[in-house]
């Protein structure tokens, strides 16, 4: 049997919860998370979340700085077309999506940075203040990098 997906749930209030899940389904109202700290199973409602990060490792690498933007990347890959998302808390995610529809509750984003600990991110659309695709995504990423002095 395959290992259960490792996830980090990012709540709207800034709280993080790390663990695994065996029943994540974006077509439901939530999922169950088995906390990595050994606590009891937690039922998580999507309406309380900013995003769900599916990760390689729950520990991550605190010394690694993810690249914020597109690294000489093509306009589209097997993971879809370029998309940049800015959340209400100011965080910017850049990646690729196969199915972004503003009228849906959420969508998956595959990171543009191939070295990222994130395998994919389920973005709750209501928590995004700005979403741009294609060349608009590139421009949004460049603008953020310029502001950051990179």
N, C-alpha and C. Protein backbone atom coordinates (compact mmCIF):
# COMPACT_ATOMS: atom_id res chain seq x y z
N UNK A 1 0.84 -1.19 0.00
CA UNK A 1 0.00 0.00 0.00
C UNK A 1 0.89 1.24 0.00
N UNK A 2 0.52 2.22 -0.77
CA UNK A 2 1.29 3.46 -0.87
C UNK A 2 1.16 4.28 0.41
N UNK A 3 2.19 5.07 0.66
CA UNK A 3 2.14 5.98 1.81
C UNK A 3 1.02 6.99 1.62
N UNK A 4 0.40 7.39 2.71
CA UNK A 4 -0.63 8.43 2.66
C UNK A 4 0.03 9.76 2.31
N UNK A 5 -0.64 10.58 1.51
CA UNK A 5 -0.07 11.88 1.15
C UNK A 5 0.23 12.73 2.38
N UNK A 6 1.41 13.35 2.37
CA UNK A 6 1.81 14.28 3.42
C UNK A 6 1.28 15.66 3.06
N UNK A 7 0.62 16.30 4.00
CA UNK A 7 0.01 17.61 3.73
C UNK A 7 0.31 18.59 4.86
N UNK A 8 0.31 19.86 4.47
CA UNK A 8 0.37 20.95 5.44
C UNK A 8 -0.86 21.81 5.17
N UNK A 9 -1.77 21.86 6.12
CA UNK A 9 -2.98 22.67 5.98
C UNK A 9 -2.67 24.07 6.49
N UNK A 10 -2.86 25.07 5.61
CA UNK A 10 -2.65 26.48 5.97
C UNK A 10 -4.03 27.09 6.20
N UNK A 11 -4.29 27.45 7.44
CA UNK A 11 -5.59 28.02 7.80
C UNK A 11 -5.61 29.53 7.54
N UNK A 12 -6.79 30.07 7.38
CA UNK A 12 -6.98 31.51 7.15
C UNK A 12 -6.38 32.32 8.29
N UNK A 13 -6.46 31.81 9.51
CA UNK A 13 -5.96 32.54 10.68
C UNK A 13 -4.45 32.43 10.86
N UNK A 14 -3.76 31.79 9.91
CA UNK A 14 -2.30 31.67 9.97
C UNK A 14 -1.80 30.38 10.60
N UNK A 15 -2.67 29.62 11.22
CA UNK A 15 -2.29 28.36 11.84
C UNK A 15 -1.90 27.34 10.77
N UNK A 16 -0.92 26.48 11.10
CA UNK A 16 -0.52 25.38 10.22
C UNK A 16 -0.76 24.07 10.95
N UNK A 17 -1.17 23.06 10.20
CA UNK A 17 -1.33 21.73 10.76
C UNK A 17 -0.72 20.74 9.77
N UNK A 18 0.26 19.96 10.26
CA UNK A 18 0.98 19.01 9.41
C UNK A 18 0.56 17.59 9.72
N UNK A 19 0.51 16.77 8.66
CA UNK A 19 0.18 15.37 8.86
C UNK A 19 -0.05 14.66 7.54
N UNK A 20 -0.86 13.62 7.59
CA UNK A 20 -1.20 12.86 6.39
C UNK A 20 -2.72 12.79 6.26
N UNK A 21 -3.15 12.46 5.04
CA UNK A 21 -4.58 12.31 4.80
C UNK A 21 -4.81 11.14 3.87
N UNK A 22 -5.95 10.51 4.03
CA UNK A 22 -6.31 9.41 3.14
C UNK A 22 -7.64 9.67 2.45
N UNK A 23 -8.23 10.84 2.71
CA UNK A 23 -9.55 11.09 2.11
C UNK A 23 -9.69 12.50 1.52
N UNK A 24 -8.57 13.10 1.07
CA UNK A 24 -8.67 14.43 0.48
C UNK A 24 -9.46 14.33 -0.83
N UNK A 25 -10.48 15.14 -0.95
CA UNK A 25 -11.29 15.19 -2.16
C UNK A 25 -11.85 16.60 -2.28
N UNK A 26 -11.42 17.36 -3.30
CA UNK A 26 -11.88 18.74 -3.42
C UNK A 26 -13.38 18.88 -3.68
N UNK A 27 -14.04 17.79 -3.99
CA UNK A 27 -15.48 17.84 -4.25
C UNK A 27 -16.32 17.68 -2.98
N UNK A 28 -15.65 17.55 -1.84
CA UNK A 28 -16.35 17.47 -0.55
C UNK A 28 -16.17 18.79 0.18
N UNK A 29 -16.64 18.85 1.43
CA UNK A 29 -16.52 20.07 2.22
C UNK A 29 -15.27 20.10 3.09
N UNK A 30 -14.54 19.00 3.11
CA UNK A 30 -13.34 18.93 3.93
C UNK A 30 -12.70 17.57 3.85
N UNK A 31 -11.73 17.33 4.75
CA UNK A 31 -11.02 16.06 4.78
C UNK A 31 -10.52 15.81 6.20
N UNK A 32 -9.99 14.62 6.43
CA UNK A 32 -9.45 14.26 7.73
C UNK A 32 -7.93 14.28 7.66
N UNK A 33 -7.31 14.83 8.69
CA UNK A 33 -5.85 14.90 8.76
C UNK A 33 -5.38 14.15 10.00
N UNK A 34 -4.40 13.28 9.79
CA UNK A 34 -3.78 12.56 10.90
C UNK A 34 -2.53 13.36 11.25
N UNK A 35 -2.53 14.08 12.37
CA UNK A 35 -1.42 14.97 12.72
C UNK A 35 -0.09 14.23 12.87
N UNK A 36 0.97 14.87 12.43
CA UNK A 36 2.30 14.27 12.52
C UNK A 36 2.78 14.18 13.96
N UNK A 37 2.18 14.95 14.86
CA UNK A 37 2.59 14.92 16.27
C UNK A 37 1.92 13.79 17.05
N UNK A 38 1.14 12.97 16.36
CA UNK A 38 0.51 11.83 17.01
C UNK A 38 -0.82 12.12 17.67
N UNK A 39 -1.33 13.31 17.52
CA UNK A 39 -2.61 13.67 18.11
C UNK A 39 -3.76 12.95 17.42
N UNK A 40 -4.98 13.19 17.90
CA UNK A 40 -6.16 12.56 17.29
C UNK A 40 -6.44 13.12 15.89
N UNK A 41 -7.12 12.32 15.09
CA UNK A 41 -7.50 12.73 13.74
C UNK A 41 -8.33 14.00 13.82
N UNK A 42 -8.05 14.93 12.89
CA UNK A 42 -8.74 16.22 12.87
C UNK A 42 -9.56 16.32 11.59
N UNK A 43 -10.82 16.70 11.72
CA UNK A 43 -11.64 16.98 10.54
C UNK A 43 -11.45 18.44 10.18
N UNK A 44 -11.04 18.68 8.94
CA UNK A 44 -10.74 20.04 8.48
C UNK A 44 -11.74 20.45 7.41
N UNK A 45 -12.38 21.58 7.61
CA UNK A 45 -13.32 22.13 6.64
C UNK A 45 -12.59 23.09 5.70
N UNK A 46 -12.82 22.97 4.40
CA UNK A 46 -12.15 23.84 3.42
C UNK A 46 -12.42 25.32 3.68
N UNK A 47 -13.61 25.64 4.18
CA UNK A 47 -13.95 27.05 4.39
C UNK A 47 -13.04 27.73 5.41
N UNK A 48 -12.30 26.96 6.20
CA UNK A 48 -11.37 27.51 7.19
C UNK A 48 -9.94 27.64 6.66
N UNK A 49 -9.73 27.20 5.42
CA UNK A 49 -8.38 27.11 4.87
C UNK A 49 -8.05 28.16 3.82
N UNK A 50 -6.77 28.45 3.73
CA UNK A 50 -6.20 29.24 2.65
C UNK A 50 -5.76 28.29 1.53
N UNK A 51 -5.07 27.20 1.92
CA UNK A 51 -4.56 26.24 0.95
C UNK A 51 -4.13 24.97 1.66
N UNK A 52 -4.02 23.89 0.88
CA UNK A 52 -3.49 22.62 1.37
C UNK A 52 -2.27 22.30 0.53
N UNK A 53 -1.10 22.20 1.18
CA UNK A 53 0.15 21.93 0.50
C UNK A 53 0.46 20.44 0.61
N UNK A 54 0.57 19.78 -0.53
CA UNK A 54 0.99 18.38 -0.58
C UNK A 54 2.51 18.41 -0.72
N UNK A 55 3.22 17.82 0.24
CA UNK A 55 4.66 18.03 0.34
C UNK A 55 5.46 16.73 0.25
N UNK A 56 6.74 16.89 -0.11
CA UNK A 56 7.67 15.76 -0.13
C UNK A 56 7.97 15.32 1.30
N UNK A 57 8.22 16.30 2.17
CA UNK A 57 8.61 16.04 3.55
C UNK A 57 7.87 17.00 4.48
N UNK A 58 7.41 16.49 5.61
CA UNK A 58 6.74 17.36 6.58
C UNK A 58 7.74 18.25 7.31
N UNK A 59 9.01 17.87 7.30
CA UNK A 59 10.05 18.69 7.93
C UNK A 59 10.47 19.83 7.02
N UNK A 60 10.46 19.59 5.71
CA UNK A 60 10.91 20.62 4.77
C UNK A 60 12.37 20.93 4.98
N UNK A 61 12.81 22.05 4.43
CA UNK A 61 14.18 22.51 4.60
C UNK A 61 14.11 23.98 4.95
N UNK A 62 14.19 24.31 6.23
CA UNK A 62 14.03 25.71 6.65
C UNK A 62 15.10 26.64 6.08
N UNK A 63 16.22 26.09 5.61
CA UNK A 63 17.29 26.91 5.05
C UNK A 63 17.08 27.22 3.57
N UNK A 64 16.21 26.46 2.92
CA UNK A 64 15.98 26.65 1.48
C UNK A 64 14.99 27.78 1.25
N UNK A 65 15.33 28.63 0.29
CA UNK A 65 14.45 29.72 -0.12
C UNK A 65 13.83 29.34 -1.46
N UNK A 66 12.52 29.12 -1.49
CA UNK A 66 11.85 28.80 -2.76
C UNK A 66 11.97 29.98 -3.70
N UNK A 67 12.13 29.68 -4.99
CA UNK A 67 12.19 30.72 -6.00
C UNK A 67 10.79 31.24 -6.25
N UNK A 68 10.60 32.54 -6.13
CA UNK A 68 9.29 33.16 -6.35
C UNK A 68 9.21 33.68 -7.77
N UNK A 69 8.73 32.89 -8.68
CA UNK A 69 8.61 33.31 -10.06
C UNK A 69 8.69 32.10 -10.97
N UNK A 70 9.00 32.37 -12.22
CA UNK A 70 9.11 31.32 -13.22
C UNK A 70 10.55 31.28 -13.70
N UNK A 71 11.22 30.15 -13.58
CA UNK A 71 12.62 30.00 -13.94
C UNK A 71 12.73 29.61 -15.41
N UNK A 72 12.84 30.59 -16.30
CA UNK A 72 12.97 30.33 -17.74
C UNK A 72 12.07 29.17 -18.15
N UNK A 73 10.87 29.20 -17.69
CA UNK A 73 9.94 28.10 -17.90
C UNK A 73 9.06 28.33 -19.12
N UNK A 74 8.62 27.26 -19.75
CA UNK A 74 7.71 27.40 -20.89
C UNK A 74 6.34 27.91 -20.44
N UNK A 75 5.57 28.40 -21.39
CA UNK A 75 4.24 28.93 -21.08
C UNK A 75 3.31 27.85 -20.56
N UNK A 76 3.54 26.61 -21.00
CA UNK A 76 2.71 25.50 -20.54
C UNK A 76 3.58 24.25 -20.42
N UNK A 77 3.21 23.37 -19.51
CA UNK A 77 3.91 22.10 -19.32
C UNK A 77 2.87 21.00 -19.19
N UNK A 78 3.33 19.80 -18.84
CA UNK A 78 2.37 18.71 -18.62
C UNK A 78 1.48 19.00 -17.41
N UNK A 79 1.89 19.98 -16.59
CA UNK A 79 1.08 20.38 -15.43
C UNK A 79 0.15 21.54 -15.76
N UNK A 80 0.09 21.95 -17.03
CA UNK A 80 -0.85 22.99 -17.41
C UNK A 80 -0.21 24.31 -17.78
N UNK A 81 -0.99 25.38 -17.62
CA UNK A 81 -0.51 26.71 -18.00
C UNK A 81 -0.04 27.49 -16.77
N UNK A 82 0.81 28.49 -17.03
CA UNK A 82 1.35 29.31 -15.94
C UNK A 82 0.24 30.04 -15.21
N UNK A 83 0.41 30.11 -13.88
CA UNK A 83 -0.56 30.83 -13.05
C UNK A 83 0.17 31.40 -11.85
N UNK A 84 -0.12 32.64 -11.52
CA UNK A 84 0.40 33.27 -10.30
C UNK A 84 -0.79 33.63 -9.43
N UNK A 85 -0.66 33.34 -8.14
CA UNK A 85 -1.74 33.58 -7.18
C UNK A 85 -1.19 34.37 -6.00
N UNK A 86 -1.84 35.50 -5.69
CA UNK A 86 -1.50 36.26 -4.49
C UNK A 86 -2.66 36.09 -3.51
N UNK A 87 -2.30 35.67 -2.30
CA UNK A 87 -3.29 35.44 -1.25
C UNK A 87 -3.56 36.72 -0.47
N UNK A 88 -4.63 36.70 0.30
CA UNK A 88 -5.01 37.84 1.13
C UNK A 88 -3.91 38.22 2.11
N UNK A 89 -3.10 37.24 2.54
CA UNK A 89 -2.01 37.52 3.48
C UNK A 89 -0.73 37.99 2.79
N UNK A 90 -0.78 38.16 1.45
CA UNK A 90 0.37 38.67 0.70
C UNK A 90 1.24 37.60 0.08
N UNK A 91 1.09 36.34 0.46
CA UNK A 91 1.92 35.28 -0.10
C UNK A 91 1.65 35.13 -1.59
N UNK A 92 2.72 34.92 -2.36
CA UNK A 92 2.61 34.72 -3.81
C UNK A 92 3.05 33.31 -4.14
N UNK A 93 2.23 32.59 -4.90
CA UNK A 93 2.58 31.27 -5.41
C UNK A 93 2.61 31.34 -6.92
N UNK A 94 3.65 30.77 -7.52
CA UNK A 94 3.76 30.70 -8.97
C UNK A 94 3.86 29.24 -9.37
N UNK A 95 3.11 28.87 -10.39
CA UNK A 95 3.16 27.49 -10.83
C UNK A 95 2.32 27.26 -12.06
N UNK A 96 1.85 26.03 -12.18
CA UNK A 96 1.08 25.61 -13.34
C UNK A 96 -0.21 24.96 -12.88
N UNK A 97 -1.26 25.14 -13.66
CA UNK A 97 -2.54 24.52 -13.32
C UNK A 97 -3.17 23.93 -14.57
N UNK A 98 -3.88 22.84 -14.38
CA UNK A 98 -4.62 22.21 -15.47
C UNK A 98 -6.06 22.72 -15.52
N UNK A 99 -6.56 23.18 -14.39
CA UNK A 99 -7.98 23.54 -14.33
C UNK A 99 -8.22 24.67 -13.34
N UNK A 100 -8.03 25.89 -13.78
CA UNK A 100 -8.37 27.03 -12.93
C UNK A 100 -9.65 27.66 -13.46
N UNK A 101 -10.68 27.61 -12.63
CA UNK A 101 -11.94 28.26 -12.99
C UNK A 101 -12.34 29.10 -11.79
N UNK A 102 -12.44 30.42 -11.97
CA UNK A 102 -12.76 31.31 -10.85
C UNK A 102 -14.06 30.97 -10.13
N UNK A 103 -14.98 30.30 -10.81
CA UNK A 103 -16.26 29.98 -10.19
C UNK A 103 -16.22 28.69 -9.35
N UNK A 104 -15.07 28.01 -9.33
CA UNK A 104 -14.92 26.80 -8.51
C UNK A 104 -14.33 27.15 -7.15
N UNK A 105 -14.59 26.29 -6.17
CA UNK A 105 -14.13 26.54 -4.80
C UNK A 105 -12.60 26.55 -4.70
N UNK A 106 -11.95 25.74 -5.53
CA UNK A 106 -10.50 25.67 -5.47
C UNK A 106 -9.92 25.04 -6.72
N UNK A 107 -8.58 24.97 -6.75
CA UNK A 107 -7.87 24.38 -7.88
C UNK A 107 -6.48 23.96 -7.43
N UNK A 108 -5.87 23.06 -8.20
CA UNK A 108 -4.51 22.60 -7.91
C UNK A 108 -3.49 23.44 -8.66
N UNK A 109 -2.40 23.74 -7.98
CA UNK A 109 -1.28 24.48 -8.56
C UNK A 109 -0.03 23.64 -8.34
N UNK A 110 0.72 23.39 -9.42
CA UNK A 110 1.99 22.67 -9.34
C UNK A 110 3.10 23.71 -9.35
N UNK A 111 4.00 23.69 -8.36
CA UNK A 111 5.02 24.75 -8.22
C UNK A 111 5.91 24.90 -9.45
N UNK A 112 6.25 26.15 -9.77
CA UNK A 112 7.18 26.43 -10.87
C UNK A 112 8.60 26.05 -10.47
N UNK A 113 8.90 26.11 -9.19
CA UNK A 113 10.23 25.78 -8.68
C UNK A 113 10.34 24.26 -8.52
N UNK A 114 11.11 23.59 -9.40
CA UNK A 114 11.20 22.13 -9.33
C UNK A 114 11.86 21.61 -8.06
N UNK A 115 12.60 22.46 -7.35
CA UNK A 115 13.25 22.05 -6.12
C UNK A 115 12.42 22.28 -4.88
N UNK A 116 11.21 22.77 -5.06
CA UNK A 116 10.33 23.06 -3.93
C UNK A 116 9.96 21.80 -3.16
N UNK A 117 9.73 21.93 -1.88
CA UNK A 117 9.22 20.82 -1.07
C UNK A 117 7.76 20.53 -1.42
N UNK A 118 7.09 21.49 -2.04
CA UNK A 118 5.69 21.33 -2.41
C UNK A 118 5.57 20.53 -3.70
N UNK A 119 4.76 19.49 -3.68
CA UNK A 119 4.48 18.71 -4.88
C UNK A 119 3.34 19.35 -5.66
N UNK A 120 2.33 19.80 -4.93
CA UNK A 120 1.18 20.50 -5.50
C UNK A 120 0.48 21.21 -4.35
N UNK A 121 -0.33 22.18 -4.71
CA UNK A 121 -1.03 22.97 -3.71
C UNK A 121 -2.50 23.07 -4.13
N UNK A 122 -3.39 22.76 -3.21
CA UNK A 122 -4.81 22.99 -3.47
C UNK A 122 -5.13 24.37 -2.92
N UNK A 123 -5.41 25.30 -3.82
CA UNK A 123 -5.67 26.70 -3.47
C UNK A 123 -7.17 26.91 -3.31
N UNK A 124 -7.57 27.47 -2.18
CA UNK A 124 -8.97 27.84 -1.98
C UNK A 124 -9.18 29.20 -2.63
N UNK A 125 -9.92 29.22 -3.72
CA UNK A 125 -10.06 30.41 -4.56
C UNK A 125 -10.51 31.66 -3.80
N UNK A 126 -11.34 31.51 -2.79
CA UNK A 126 -11.84 32.66 -2.03
C UNK A 126 -10.73 33.38 -1.28
N UNK A 127 -9.59 32.73 -1.07
CA UNK A 127 -8.48 33.34 -0.34
C UNK A 127 -7.48 34.05 -1.25
N UNK A 128 -7.70 33.97 -2.55
CA UNK A 128 -6.83 34.65 -3.52
C UNK A 128 -7.38 36.04 -3.82
N UNK A 129 -6.52 37.05 -3.71
CA UNK A 129 -6.95 38.41 -4.05
C UNK A 129 -6.60 38.75 -5.49
N UNK A 130 -5.65 38.01 -6.05
CA UNK A 130 -5.24 38.26 -7.43
C UNK A 130 -4.76 36.95 -8.04
N UNK A 131 -5.24 36.66 -9.24
CA UNK A 131 -4.83 35.47 -9.97
C UNK A 131 -4.63 35.87 -11.42
N UNK A 132 -3.44 35.53 -11.95
CA UNK A 132 -3.13 35.87 -13.35
C UNK A 132 -2.58 34.63 -14.04
N UNK A 133 -2.93 34.47 -15.32
CA UNK A 133 -2.47 33.34 -16.11
C UNK A 133 -1.56 33.81 -17.24
N UNK A 134 -0.74 32.89 -17.76
CA UNK A 134 0.11 33.16 -18.92
C UNK A 134 1.09 34.31 -18.70
N UNK A 135 1.11 35.25 -19.65
CA UNK A 135 2.04 36.38 -19.54
C UNK A 135 1.68 37.28 -18.36
N UNK A 136 0.41 37.30 -17.99
CA UNK A 136 -0.01 38.05 -16.80
C UNK A 136 0.61 37.48 -15.54
N UNK A 137 0.75 36.16 -15.49
CA UNK A 137 1.39 35.50 -14.34
C UNK A 137 2.86 35.87 -14.28
N UNK A 138 3.52 35.88 -15.44
CA UNK A 138 4.94 36.26 -15.49
C UNK A 138 5.13 37.69 -15.01
N UNK A 139 4.26 38.59 -15.48
CA UNK A 139 4.35 40.00 -15.08
C UNK A 139 4.12 40.16 -13.58
N UNK A 140 3.17 39.44 -13.04
CA UNK A 140 2.88 39.51 -11.61
C UNK A 140 4.08 39.02 -10.80
N UNK A 141 4.72 37.95 -11.24
CA UNK A 141 5.90 37.42 -10.55
C UNK A 141 7.07 38.41 -10.63
N UNK A 142 7.30 38.99 -11.81
CA UNK A 142 8.39 39.97 -11.97
C UNK A 142 8.17 41.17 -11.06
N UNK A 143 6.94 41.64 -11.00
CA UNK A 143 6.61 42.80 -10.16
C UNK A 143 6.91 42.49 -8.69
N UNK A 144 6.55 41.30 -8.25
CA UNK A 144 6.81 40.90 -6.86
C UNK A 144 8.30 40.81 -6.59
N UNK A 145 9.06 40.28 -7.54
CA UNK A 145 10.51 40.17 -7.38
C UNK A 145 11.16 41.55 -7.33
N UNK A 146 10.66 42.47 -8.15
CA UNK A 146 11.18 43.84 -8.16
C UNK A 146 10.93 44.51 -6.82
N UNK A 147 9.72 44.34 -6.29
CA UNK A 147 9.39 44.91 -4.97
C UNK A 147 10.28 44.34 -3.87
N UNK A 148 10.62 43.07 -4.01
CA UNK A 148 11.45 42.40 -2.99
C UNK A 148 12.93 42.72 -3.17
N UNK A 149 13.26 43.41 -4.26
CA UNK A 149 14.66 43.77 -4.51
C UNK A 149 15.51 42.63 -5.02
N UNK A 150 14.87 41.64 -5.64
CA UNK A 150 15.61 40.49 -6.18
C UNK A 150 16.02 40.77 -7.60
